[in-house]
Every structure is written in structure tokens, then in C-alpha cells.
Amino acid sequence: MSNFERYLSLWVALCIVAGVGLGSLLPGLFGVLAGLEYGSVNFLVAILIWFMVYPMMVAVDFSSLKRVHERPKGLIITLAVNWLIKPFTMAALGVLFFEYLFAGLIDPANSGQYIAGLILLGAAPCTAMVFVWSQLTRGDPNYTLVQVSLNDVIMVFAFAPIVALLLGVTDLSVPWETLLLSVLLYVVIPLIAGALTRRKLTQRAGDGPQGEAEVARFTGRVKPLSVLGLLATVVLLFGFQGPVILDQPLLIALIAVPLLIQSYGIFALAYTAAWLWRVPFNVAAPCALIGTSNFFELAVAVAIGLFGLNSGAALVTVVGVLVEVPVMLSLVAFANRTRNWFPQGETDEPSQGKQ
């Protein structure tokens, strides 16, 4: 790990401050940048995410994907946490805090909106940023791809029913363009680019160890793009919401409390399950991080569609975006420090994605 990556949390903190400051000083510029979107997917953010996930996609070895079913534990934990636990604990925390603990601090008329926003976040597991967190923990790129892909397939069928159940909304309209476009932009296109790059590298160097060594050298050279993409994304996201943060700091802090409890609690649950089940680290870390991270583009789009742009639900989903990056970086750091708690099995071999 380079010195620059070692102090990544510091750079992110500086980018948060820079984003909030620039968003307040240059609202017109950030308004134009925020408008570069379709289906609530911002294309500038999408490009930066490509930079983040591309090195890991190059490391994906399609020939080894057929063996993933031989290691089902990580998939079982991911799916159980994402679809049987996370949406319901988020709803419970929303009711606890906004109906009871924070009742005297907020407008009672908005409590239902805040709960709805939390539910939308809890029911939307992450798609794109998981590849970044996995790469920062040196996760198995092949396994991470399968975990994300399986989650995306389930999300197409399960997101609307779960949200409808928890919100009591029977006519929920899912913005399919957001869901499908996000998967296309954040998973399919970078994966194709990575596969083509990997093929070219292995054809030039030859199959076997020489090809893998060439892939490792290439991903090492382009890895700084991932970090720079992450930092630029932080500046943009906080710049988009800078005025909101400065105008309503107390409300932002209140909304962040259940989000923080949910994030750390879900990670602890998944990480502990992986530890007890003796899942290799480079499967266990992404497994826990997938359950913690959220598909904020989808959550924001649904919140705006159901409740309006200036609704409490939309605000909660935006706060979810702001909370996620610092929280996930802290969990990445914790996972890396506790690497030796887990088996370092066959999946940690360089040919299986170690970078």
C-alpha cells in the first residue's frame, strides 16, 4: 500500500470539506453538473465510478467463475443479510428514532417521510461502489462480481415488493430506467472493458503465470485512477448537497444516527458470520461490505418519484450518500487490520485476484 493510500481517510475528509465549500460557493456550477443525468443517474459520477471499478474488472478471470458455486458460504451470507435482515432492521430503526427517540426534535408530520427514506436505502443493496471497497481490501474480484450480479438479479424482483410491504404502498412505481441503467453503466460496461483489456494483456504475455503477472502489473499501474476517481466523486457528491448540509446541520445529524447504527451493525453481523463460518478473508470482507453499502441512486430516484424532490424521504436518501463513503472507508480500514482473523485459503492466490 502506497503512502497516498495509507492516508486515504485524510484525503477523503479534505475532499468532503472541499465539496461542501465549493457547493456553497459555486451552486450554479454544481447545479449544471448535477443536471448531467438521465433516470436519476449522473453521467459524470458514472464516469468516475468507471475509473474506480475498472482495475478490479480487469482482474476478473472468467474461467474461474464456474468454480464460485464450490464456495457458497459468502453468497449465502450476502443474500441473507441483504434480503432477509437489512430492510427490516432499517425500518425498525426508523420507527424507533423518528417515532420515539427524536419525536421532540423533529416535526411529527415529517417522521413518516424520514422512515420511508430509511426503508428505501435499506432495501437497495449497492452495485457499483462495492467493487471499490472490495479492491481496497484485496477481495477476490471473481467472487465479488458474482455477489453483485446475483444481488442485482434479485433486486429486479424483490425491491418493489419489500418496499411496498414496509411502506404499506401497494402502487409503488419502481424507476426501471434507473435500476437497469445503473447496472449497465456500473457493472456491464466496465466489465466488458476489463475483459477486453485482460484478453489483450494475456494474449500479449501468454497464458499461465506470465499472463497473470502482466495483468497484475497493469492493474497496479492503473490502480491510482481508482483512488482519484473516489476522491473526485466525494467532492462532487458533497458539492451537490453542500447547501443542504449547511442549512440543516441538526437534521442531517439526526438522520445520520440510525444510518450509522445500521451500517456498523449490519457489517458486524455479516463479518461475524463470515468469521464463525471460516470464510476466507478475500471473500468475507466484500461479503460484509456489500451488505453495508447502499444503492443510493435507486433510493434517491424512488424517493423523489414517490414523495417529491423536497420531501423528507428524499433528504434521507441524500444523507445516506453523504454518510456512506466515510463509513465504508472506516470499515475497509477495520477489515484490513483484522485480515489475520480469517483463513487465507486458496482464494488468496494471485491467480484468483490478489493484487
Protein backbone atom coordinates (compact mmCIF):
# COMPACT_ATOMS: atom_id res chain seq x y z
CA MET A 1 0.00 0.00 0.00
CA SER A 2 1.41 3.40 -1.01
CA ASN A 3 1.72 6.30 1.42
CA PHE A 4 -1.04 8.07 -0.50
CA GLU A 5 -3.45 5.15 0.02
CA ARG A 6 -2.41 4.84 3.66
CA TYR A 7 -3.77 8.33 4.33
CA LEU A 8 -6.87 7.86 2.19
CA SER A 9 -9.23 8.73 5.05
CA LEU A 10 -7.47 12.10 5.43
CA TRP A 11 -7.77 12.84 1.71
CA VAL A 12 -11.46 11.92 1.80
CA ALA A 13 -12.02 14.23 4.79
CA LEU A 14 -10.35 17.08 2.90
CA CYS A 15 -12.47 16.32 -0.18
CA ILE A 16 -15.64 16.41 1.95
CA VAL A 17 -14.71 19.87 3.23
CA ALA A 18 -13.78 20.97 -0.29
CA GLY A 19 -17.04 19.61 -1.72
CA VAL A 20 -19.23 21.36 0.86
CA GLY A 21 -17.31 24.60 0.42
CA LEU A 22 -17.35 24.55 -3.38
CA GLY A 23 -21.01 23.55 -3.45
CA SER A 24 -21.87 26.60 -1.35
CA LEU A 25 -19.59 29.00 -3.24
CA LEU A 26 -20.43 27.76 -6.74
CA PRO A 27 -24.02 26.49 -6.61
CA GLY A 28 -24.60 27.33 -10.27
CA LEU A 29 -21.70 25.18 -11.46
CA PHE A 30 -22.72 22.22 -9.34
CA GLY A 31 -26.30 22.68 -10.47
CA VAL A 32 -25.16 22.28 -14.08
CA LEU A 33 -23.06 19.22 -13.20
CA ALA A 34 -25.98 17.67 -11.27
CA GLY A 35 -28.18 18.14 -14.33
CA LEU A 36 -25.99 15.86 -16.46
CA GLU A 37 -28.16 12.85 -15.77
CA TYR A 38 -30.82 10.51 -17.04
CA GLY A 39 -33.12 8.42 -14.89
CA SER A 40 -31.51 9.97 -11.78
CA VAL A 41 -28.12 8.54 -12.83
CA ASN A 42 -25.49 11.27 -13.07
CA PHE A 43 -23.18 10.59 -16.01
CA LEU A 44 -20.23 12.47 -14.53
CA VAL A 45 -20.41 10.32 -11.41
CA ALA A 46 -20.77 7.26 -13.63
CA ILE A 47 -17.53 8.09 -15.44
CA LEU A 48 -15.71 8.50 -12.13
CA ILE A 49 -17.09 5.17 -10.95
CA TRP A 50 -15.74 3.58 -14.13
CA PHE A 51 -12.30 4.78 -13.10
CA MET A 52 -12.86 3.22 -9.67
CA VAL A 53 -14.08 -0.22 -10.75
CA TYR A 54 -12.09 -0.71 -13.97
CA PRO A 55 -8.89 -2.08 -12.35
CA MET A 56 -10.88 -4.71 -10.49
CA MET A 57 -12.81 -5.70 -13.60
CA VAL A 58 -9.50 -6.31 -15.40
CA ALA A 59 -8.63 -8.75 -12.60
CA VAL A 60 -11.82 -10.80 -13.15
CA ASP A 61 -10.92 -14.23 -14.54
CA PHE A 62 -13.99 -15.57 -16.33
CA SER A 63 -12.57 -19.08 -16.44
CA SER A 64 -12.66 -19.27 -12.65
CA LEU A 65 -16.28 -18.06 -12.29
CA LYS A 66 -17.56 -21.58 -12.87
CA ARG A 67 -15.94 -22.61 -9.58
CA VAL A 68 -17.68 -20.00 -7.44
CA HIS A 69 -20.53 -22.38 -6.59
CA GLU A 70 -17.97 -24.55 -4.81
CA ARG A 71 -17.67 -21.76 -2.20
CA PRO A 72 -21.30 -20.92 -1.35
CA LYS A 73 -20.82 -19.51 2.16
CA GLY A 74 -20.09 -15.94 1.09
CA LEU A 75 -23.10 -15.89 -1.24
CA ILE A 76 -25.39 -17.27 1.46
CA ILE A 77 -24.30 -14.60 3.97
CA THR A 78 -24.61 -11.79 1.41
CA LEU A 79 -28.10 -12.78 0.32
CA ALA A 80 -29.38 -13.45 3.85
CA VAL A 81 -28.14 -10.09 5.15
CA ASN A 82 -29.28 -8.05 2.15
CA TRP A 83 -32.76 -9.50 1.70
CA LEU A 84 -33.84 -11.16 4.96
CA ILE A 85 -32.37 -8.77 7.53
CA LYS A 86 -31.23 -5.35 6.30
CA PRO A 87 -34.52 -3.83 5.02
CA PHE A 88 -36.36 -4.83 8.18
CA THR A 89 -33.74 -3.62 10.66
CA MET A 90 -33.58 -0.29 8.82
CA ALA A 91 -37.35 0.07 9.07
CA ALA A 92 -37.24 -0.81 12.79
CA LEU A 93 -34.51 1.77 13.45
CA GLY A 94 -36.51 4.36 11.55
CA VAL A 95 -39.58 3.81 13.70
CA LEU A 96 -37.51 3.74 16.91
CA PHE A 97 -35.73 7.02 16.26
CA PHE A 98 -38.27 9.11 14.39
CA GLU A 99 -41.43 7.96 16.16
CA TYR A 100 -39.95 7.85 19.66
CA LEU A 101 -36.36 8.94 20.43
CA PHE A 102 -36.30 12.00 18.15
CA ALA A 103 -40.00 12.81 18.42
CA GLY A 104 -39.38 16.07 20.28
CA LEU A 105 -36.69 17.25 17.88
CA ILE A 106 -38.48 16.96 14.54
CA ASP A 107 -41.77 17.95 13.01
CA PRO A 108 -44.10 14.98 13.67
CA ALA A 109 -45.62 15.46 10.24
CA ASN A 110 -42.30 14.52 8.66
CA SER A 111 -41.48 11.44 10.73
CA GLY A 112 -43.14 9.09 8.25
CA GLN A 113 -41.11 10.64 5.42
CA TYR A 114 -37.84 10.06 7.23
CA ILE A 115 -38.78 6.44 7.94
CA ALA A 116 -39.69 5.95 4.28
CA GLY A 117 -36.29 7.26 3.19
CA LEU A 118 -34.52 4.83 5.51
CA ILE A 119 -36.59 1.94 4.16
CA LEU A 120 -35.69 2.83 0.58
CA LEU A 121 -32.00 2.82 1.45
CA GLY A 122 -32.23 -0.44 3.39
CA ALA A 123 -33.93 -2.27 0.52
CA ALA A 124 -31.36 -1.24 -2.12
CA PRO A 125 -28.02 -3.07 -1.78
CA CYS A 126 -25.06 -1.47 -3.50
CA THR A 127 -23.99 -2.21 -7.07
CA ALA A 128 -21.03 -0.05 -8.10
CA MET A 129 -19.07 1.08 -5.06
CA VAL A 130 -18.80 -2.49 -3.75
CA PHE A 131 -16.10 -3.09 -6.36
CA VAL A 132 -14.11 -0.19 -4.87
CA TRP A 133 -14.41 -1.46 -1.30
CA SER A 134 -13.54 -4.96 -2.45
CA GLN A 135 -10.45 -3.72 -4.23
CA LEU A 136 -9.30 -1.75 -1.17
CA THR A 137 -9.46 -4.97 0.88
CA ARG A 138 -7.84 -7.02 -1.92
CA GLY A 139 -11.02 -9.03 -2.30
CA ASP A 140 -11.48 -11.79 -4.83
CA PRO A 141 -12.74 -9.92 -7.93
CA ASN A 142 -14.39 -13.01 -9.41
CA TYR A 143 -16.39 -13.72 -6.28
CA THR A 144 -17.31 -10.06 -5.81
CA LEU A 145 -18.66 -9.92 -9.35
CA VAL A 146 -20.88 -12.94 -8.72
CA GLN A 147 -22.14 -11.49 -5.42
CA VAL A 148 -23.06 -8.17 -7.03
CA SER A 149 -24.61 -9.80 -10.10
CA LEU A 150 -26.79 -12.10 -8.02
CA ASN A 151 -27.92 -9.17 -5.88
CA ASP A 152 -28.83 -7.21 -9.00
CA VAL A 153 -30.97 -10.04 -10.34
CA ILE A 154 -32.80 -10.40 -7.03
CA MET A 155 -33.25 -6.64 -6.76
CA VAL A 156 -35.18 -6.55 -10.03
CA PHE A 157 -37.82 -8.82 -8.48
CA ALA A 158 -37.62 -8.12 -4.73
CA PHE A 159 -37.04 -4.39 -4.31
CA ALA A 160 -40.58 -3.21 -5.10
CA PRO A 161 -42.42 -5.89 -3.04
CA ILE A 162 -40.21 -5.35 0.03
CA VAL A 163 -40.54 -1.56 -0.09
CA ALA A 164 -44.28 -1.83 -0.71
CA LEU A 165 -44.62 -4.16 2.28
CA LEU A 166 -42.67 -1.92 4.64
CA LEU A 167 -44.19 1.34 3.42
CA GLY A 168 -47.68 -0.02 3.06
CA VAL A 169 -47.70 1.28 -0.52
CA THR A 170 -49.44 -1.02 -2.95
CA ASP A 171 -48.93 1.02 -6.11
CA LEU A 172 -45.19 1.54 -5.82
CA SER A 173 -43.66 2.59 -9.14
CA VAL A 174 -40.06 1.46 -9.50
CA PRO A 175 -37.96 3.65 -11.84
CA TRP A 176 -36.78 0.78 -14.00
CA GLU A 177 -34.68 3.09 -16.14
CA THR A 178 -32.61 3.97 -13.05
CA LEU A 179 -32.24 0.37 -11.97
CA LEU A 180 -31.34 -1.02 -15.40
CA LEU A 181 -29.22 1.95 -16.49
CA SER A 182 -27.20 1.79 -13.27
CA VAL A 183 -26.47 -1.89 -13.72
CA LEU A 184 -25.48 -1.25 -17.34
CA LEU A 185 -23.22 1.70 -16.53
CA TYR A 186 -21.68 0.47 -13.30
CA VAL A 187 -21.32 -3.25 -13.95
CA VAL A 188 -21.81 -4.33 -17.57
CA ILE A 189 -19.77 -1.67 -19.42
CA PRO A 190 -16.77 -1.69 -17.01
CA LEU A 191 -16.84 -5.49 -17.03
CA ILE A 192 -16.71 -5.63 -20.83
CA ALA A 193 -13.87 -3.08 -20.88
CA GLY A 194 -11.99 -5.06 -18.23
CA ALA A 195 -12.48 -8.34 -20.06
CA LEU A 196 -11.19 -6.90 -23.34
CA THR A 197 -8.17 -5.41 -21.58
CA ARG A 198 -7.42 -8.67 -19.79
CA ARG A 199 -7.68 -10.60 -23.04
CA LYS A 200 -5.25 -8.27 -24.76
CA LEU A 201 -2.77 -8.47 -21.88
CA THR A 202 -2.83 -12.27 -21.65
CA GLN A 203 -2.58 -12.67 -25.43
CA ARG A 204 0.50 -10.47 -25.45
CA ALA A 205 2.20 -12.13 -22.47
CA GLY A 206 0.88 -15.65 -22.94
CA ASP A 207 -1.41 -17.79 -20.81
CA GLY A 208 -0.47 -19.04 -17.36
CA PRO A 209 1.72 -17.25 -14.79
CA GLN A 210 3.20 -14.85 -17.35
CA GLY A 211 -0.24 -13.61 -18.35
CA GLU A 212 -1.36 -13.23 -14.74
CA ALA A 213 1.82 -11.33 -13.91
CA GLU A 214 1.17 -8.95 -16.79
CA VAL A 215 -2.40 -8.41 -15.58
CA ALA A 216 -1.12 -7.72 -12.04
CA ARG A 217 1.41 -5.18 -13.34
CA PHE A 218 -1.24 -3.42 -15.39
CA THR A 219 -3.76 -3.21 -12.55
CA GLY A 220 -1.02 -1.91 -10.28
CA ARG A 221 -0.30 0.90 -12.75
CA VAL A 222 -3.95 1.93 -13.17
CA LYS A 223 -4.95 1.49 -9.53
CA PRO A 224 -4.24 5.18 -8.71
CA LEU A 225 -7.13 6.00 -11.06
CA SER A 226 -9.45 4.23 -8.62
CA VAL A 227 -8.36 6.40 -5.71
CA LEU A 228 -8.51 9.62 -7.73
CA GLY A 229 -11.96 8.64 -9.01
CA LEU A 230 -13.13 8.05 -5.45
CA LEU A 231 -11.84 11.42 -4.25
CA ALA A 232 -13.39 13.28 -7.19
CA THR A 233 -16.70 11.51 -6.55
CA VAL A 234 -16.63 12.62 -2.91
CA VAL A 235 -16.08 16.24 -3.97
CA LEU A 236 -19.00 16.04 -6.41
CA LEU A 237 -21.46 14.33 -4.05
CA PHE A 238 -20.78 16.72 -1.19
CA GLY A 239 -20.74 19.65 -3.60
CA PHE A 240 -24.20 18.72 -4.86
CA GLN A 241 -25.53 18.73 -1.29
CA GLY A 242 -23.36 21.45 0.29
CA PRO A 243 -26.20 23.97 0.81
CA VAL A 244 -28.43 21.30 2.37
CA ILE A 245 -25.73 20.33 4.87
CA LEU A 246 -25.08 23.93 5.89
CA ASP A 247 -28.77 24.90 6.07
CA GLN A 248 -29.97 21.97 8.22
CA PRO A 249 -26.98 20.61 10.18
CA LEU A 250 -29.01 19.34 13.16
CA LEU A 251 -31.50 17.48 10.98
CA ILE A 252 -28.65 15.97 8.95
CA ALA A 253 -27.02 14.78 12.18
CA LEU A 254 -30.28 13.25 13.44
CA ILE A 255 -30.85 11.37 10.19
CA ALA A 256 -27.25 10.13 10.24
CA VAL A 257 -27.66 8.42 13.64
CA PRO A 258 -29.84 5.44 12.56
CA LEU A 259 -27.85 5.20 9.32
CA LEU A 260 -24.60 4.86 11.26
CA ILE A 261 -26.08 2.29 13.64
CA GLN A 262 -27.47 0.30 10.72
CA SER A 263 -24.22 0.40 8.76
CA TYR A 264 -21.94 -0.70 11.58
CA GLY A 265 -24.49 -3.19 12.88
CA ILE A 266 -25.01 -4.89 9.51
CA PHE A 267 -21.27 -5.05 8.91
CA ALA A 268 -20.70 -6.57 12.35
CA LEU A 269 -23.38 -9.18 11.71
CA ALA A 270 -22.09 -10.23 8.29
CA TYR A 271 -18.42 -10.06 9.28
CA THR A 272 -19.01 -12.12 12.41
CA ALA A 273 -21.00 -14.71 10.46
CA ALA A 274 -18.15 -14.98 7.95
CA TRP A 275 -15.62 -15.32 10.77
CA LEU A 276 -17.62 -18.02 12.53
CA TRP A 277 -18.12 -19.88 9.26
CA ARG A 278 -14.40 -19.66 8.45
CA VAL A 279 -14.89 -17.85 5.15
CA PRO A 280 -11.56 -16.79 3.55
CA PHE A 281 -10.82 -13.11 4.07
CA ASN A 282 -10.93 -12.00 0.44
CA VAL A 283 -14.49 -13.34 0.26
CA ALA A 284 -15.50 -12.39 3.82
CA ALA A 285 -14.56 -8.70 3.55
CA PRO A 286 -16.50 -7.93 0.34
CA CYS A 287 -19.34 -10.10 1.65
CA ALA A 288 -19.75 -7.87 4.73
CA LEU A 289 -19.17 -4.63 2.80
CA ILE A 290 -21.85 -5.46 0.20
CA GLY A 291 -24.46 -5.71 2.92
CA THR A 292 -23.38 -2.41 4.46
CA SER A 293 -23.29 -0.27 1.32
CA ASN A 294 -26.42 1.08 -0.39
CA PHE A 295 -27.59 1.62 -3.99
CA PHE A 296 -28.22 5.30 -3.37
CA GLU A 297 -29.07 6.19 -6.99
CA LEU A 298 -32.08 3.88 -6.89
CA ALA A 299 -33.14 5.00 -3.42
CA VAL A 300 -32.95 8.69 -4.34
CA ALA A 301 -34.89 8.15 -7.57
CA VAL A 302 -37.70 6.25 -5.87
CA ALA A 303 -37.89 8.78 -3.01
CA ILE A 304 -38.24 11.66 -5.47
CA GLY A 305 -40.78 9.75 -7.56
CA LEU A 306 -42.95 8.77 -4.60
CA PHE A 307 -42.66 11.77 -2.30
CA GLY A 308 -41.17 14.67 -4.26
CA LEU A 309 -37.81 16.38 -4.67
CA ASN A 310 -38.05 18.41 -1.46
CA SER A 311 -39.53 15.64 0.69
CA GLY A 312 -38.10 14.28 3.92
CA ALA A 313 -37.71 10.88 2.26
CA ALA A 314 -35.54 12.35 -0.50
CA LEU A 315 -33.45 14.18 2.10
CA VAL A 316 -32.79 10.94 4.00
CA THR A 317 -31.57 9.18 0.86
CA VAL A 318 -29.23 12.09 0.18
CA VAL A 319 -27.85 11.90 3.73
CA GLY A 320 -27.31 8.20 3.05
CA VAL A 321 -24.99 9.21 0.21
CA LEU A 322 -23.08 11.60 2.46
CA VAL A 323 -22.66 9.09 5.29
CA GLU A 324 -21.67 6.14 3.13
CA VAL A 325 -18.16 7.00 1.96
CA PRO A 326 -16.64 7.88 5.37
CA VAL A 327 -18.35 4.89 7.00
CA MET A 328 -17.25 2.45 4.32
CA LEU A 329 -13.65 3.68 4.46
CA SER A 330 -13.60 3.14 8.22
CA LEU A 331 -14.91 -0.41 7.71
CA VAL A 332 -12.34 -1.08 4.98
CA ALA A 333 -9.61 0.00 7.39
CA PHE A 334 -11.02 -2.24 10.13
CA ALA A 335 -11.27 -5.20 7.77
CA ASN A 336 -7.68 -4.78 6.63
CA ARG A 337 -6.47 -4.62 10.23
CA THR A 338 -8.31 -7.84 11.10
CA ARG A 339 -7.28 -9.79 8.00
CA ASN A 340 -5.45 -12.36 10.11
CA TRP A 341 -8.68 -13.34 11.87
CA PHE A 342 -9.73 -15.24 8.76
CA PRO A 343 -8.41 -18.21 6.80
CA GLN A 344 -6.07 -17.27 3.97
CA GLY A 345 -7.16 -20.12 1.71
CA GLU A 346 -6.81 -20.89 -1.97
CA THR A 347 -8.82 -17.82 -2.96
CA ASP A 348 -5.93 -15.64 -1.82
CA GLU A 349 -3.60 -16.93 -4.51
CA PRO A 350 -2.53 -14.29 -7.06
CA SER A 351 -4.27 -16.17 -9.84
CA GLN A 352 -7.55 -15.70 -8.03
CA GLY A 353 -7.44 -11.95 -7.90
CA LYS A 354 -4.89 -10.80 -5.34
CA GLN A 355 -3.44 -7.54 -6.45
